[in-house]
Amino acid sequence: MYARIAEFQSTSKTNCDMIIAFFQNVMIPRNIKNGQLSAEIYTVSDTTGFVISCFKNKNDANKIMKIMAVELNEVKGNTRIKLVEGERAFRLDA
């Protein structure tokens, strides 16, 4: 299992709502159709949050990144996005 966490910080609540709507309605559904296993969006404040995306492996994660990279750069506007990613080392469910 491979995960990519995208932390986003917008300059306003409106910009943050717009990027979340883009993730939710355009990017994530398309990524799921192309092999991404799951995605979750969390908000930290009115202007910040993060997306956790899960993939089978790093190759799948890179394939999805190539599909969305140009469009994401065009849409993000005044939103900063920082990526952290890696292989899962451990998981425990209740």
Protein backbone atom coordinates (compact mmCIF):
# COMPACT_ATOMS: atom_id res chain seq x y z
CA MET A 1 0.00 0.00 0.00
CA TYR A 2 1.25 3.45 -0.92
CA ALA A 3 -0.18 6.76 0.33
CA ARG A 4 0.17 10.34 -0.79
CA ILE A 5 -0.88 13.14 1.54
CA ALA A 6 -1.49 16.53 -0.04
CA GLU A 7 -1.64 19.35 2.48
CA PHE A 8 -3.32 22.46 1.07
CA GLN A 9 -3.45 26.03 2.33
CA SER A 10 -5.60 28.64 0.60
CA THR A 11 -5.63 32.40 0.98
CA SER A 12 -9.37 32.50 1.74
CA LYS A 13 -12.29 30.29 2.73
CA THR A 14 -13.76 30.71 -0.75
CA ASN A 15 -10.56 29.48 -2.43
CA CYS A 16 -10.40 26.56 0.00
CA ASP A 17 -14.02 25.61 -0.71
CA MET A 18 -13.32 25.76 -4.43
CA ILE A 19 -10.26 23.48 -4.30
CA ILE A 20 -12.15 21.00 -2.09
CA ALA A 21 -15.05 21.00 -4.57
CA PHE A 22 -12.58 20.37 -7.41
CA PHE A 23 -10.98 17.48 -5.52
CA GLN A 24 -14.36 16.00 -4.59
CA ASN A 25 -16.21 16.38 -7.89
CA VAL A 26 -13.52 16.20 -10.59
CA MET A 27 -10.09 15.00 -9.57
CA ILE A 28 -10.79 12.19 -7.11
CA PRO A 29 -13.57 10.47 -9.13
CA ARG A 30 -11.31 10.51 -12.21
CA ASN A 31 -8.35 9.21 -10.22
CA ILE A 32 -10.48 6.37 -8.80
CA LYS A 33 -11.47 5.38 -12.34
CA ASN A 34 -7.76 5.26 -13.22
CA GLY A 35 -6.62 3.00 -10.39
CA GLN A 36 -6.46 5.03 -7.18
CA LEU A 37 -7.87 2.92 -4.33
CA SER A 38 -9.32 5.62 -2.07
CA ALA A 39 -9.22 9.26 -1.04
CA GLU A 40 -10.30 11.22 2.02
CA ILE A 41 -10.44 14.98 2.48
CA TYR A 42 -9.98 16.56 5.92
CA THR A 43 -10.24 20.22 6.93
CA VAL A 44 -8.05 21.73 9.62
CA SER A 45 -9.43 25.26 9.44
CA ASP A 46 -11.42 27.46 7.03
CA THR A 47 -8.36 27.73 4.77
CA THR A 48 -6.33 24.55 5.31
CA GLY A 49 -6.77 20.83 5.01
CA PHE A 50 -5.33 17.67 3.54
CA VAL A 51 -6.18 14.82 1.19
CA ILE A 52 -5.06 11.26 1.88
CA SER A 53 -4.88 9.18 -1.30
CA CYS A 54 -4.14 5.44 -1.29
CA PHE A 55 -2.72 3.36 -4.13
CA LYS A 56 -1.59 -0.22 -4.63
CA ASN A 57 2.01 0.88 -5.15
CA LYS A 58 4.26 3.83 -6.04
CA ASN A 59 3.96 3.15 -9.78
CA ASP A 60 0.18 3.58 -9.62
CA ALA A 61 0.61 6.76 -7.56
CA ASN A 62 3.00 8.18 -10.16
CA LYS A 63 0.65 7.22 -13.01
CA ILE A 64 -2.18 9.16 -11.34
CA MET A 65 0.10 12.15 -10.68
CA LYS A 66 0.93 12.35 -14.39
CA ILE A 67 -2.78 12.38 -15.23
CA MET A 68 -3.61 15.25 -12.88
CA ALA A 69 -0.42 17.34 -12.59
CA VAL A 70 -1.05 19.99 -15.25
CA GLU A 71 -4.70 20.48 -14.38
CA LEU A 72 -3.97 20.66 -10.65
CA ASN A 73 -1.39 23.41 -11.23
CA GLU A 74 -3.95 25.39 -13.26
CA VAL A 75 -6.75 25.01 -10.71
CA LYS A 76 -4.88 25.57 -7.47
CA GLY A 77 -4.51 29.35 -8.00
CA ASN A 78 -3.65 30.89 -4.61
CA THR A 79 -3.62 27.52 -2.85
CA ARG A 80 -0.27 26.07 -1.76
CA ILE A 81 -0.02 22.30 -1.91
CA LYS A 82 2.67 20.25 -0.18
CA LEU A 83 3.05 16.52 -0.83
CA VAL A 84 4.27 13.81 1.54
CA GLU A 85 4.16 10.18 0.45
CA GLY A 86 5.42 6.71 1.21
CA GLU A 87 4.85 3.00 1.74
CA ARG A 88 2.60 1.91 4.58
CA ALA A 89 4.61 0.41 7.43
CA PHE A 90 1.76 -0.52 9.78
CA ARG A 91 -2.04 -0.46 10.08
CA LEU A 92 -4.37 -1.35 12.94
CA ASP A 93 -8.16 -1.25 12.72
CA ALA A 94 -10.67 -1.43 15.54
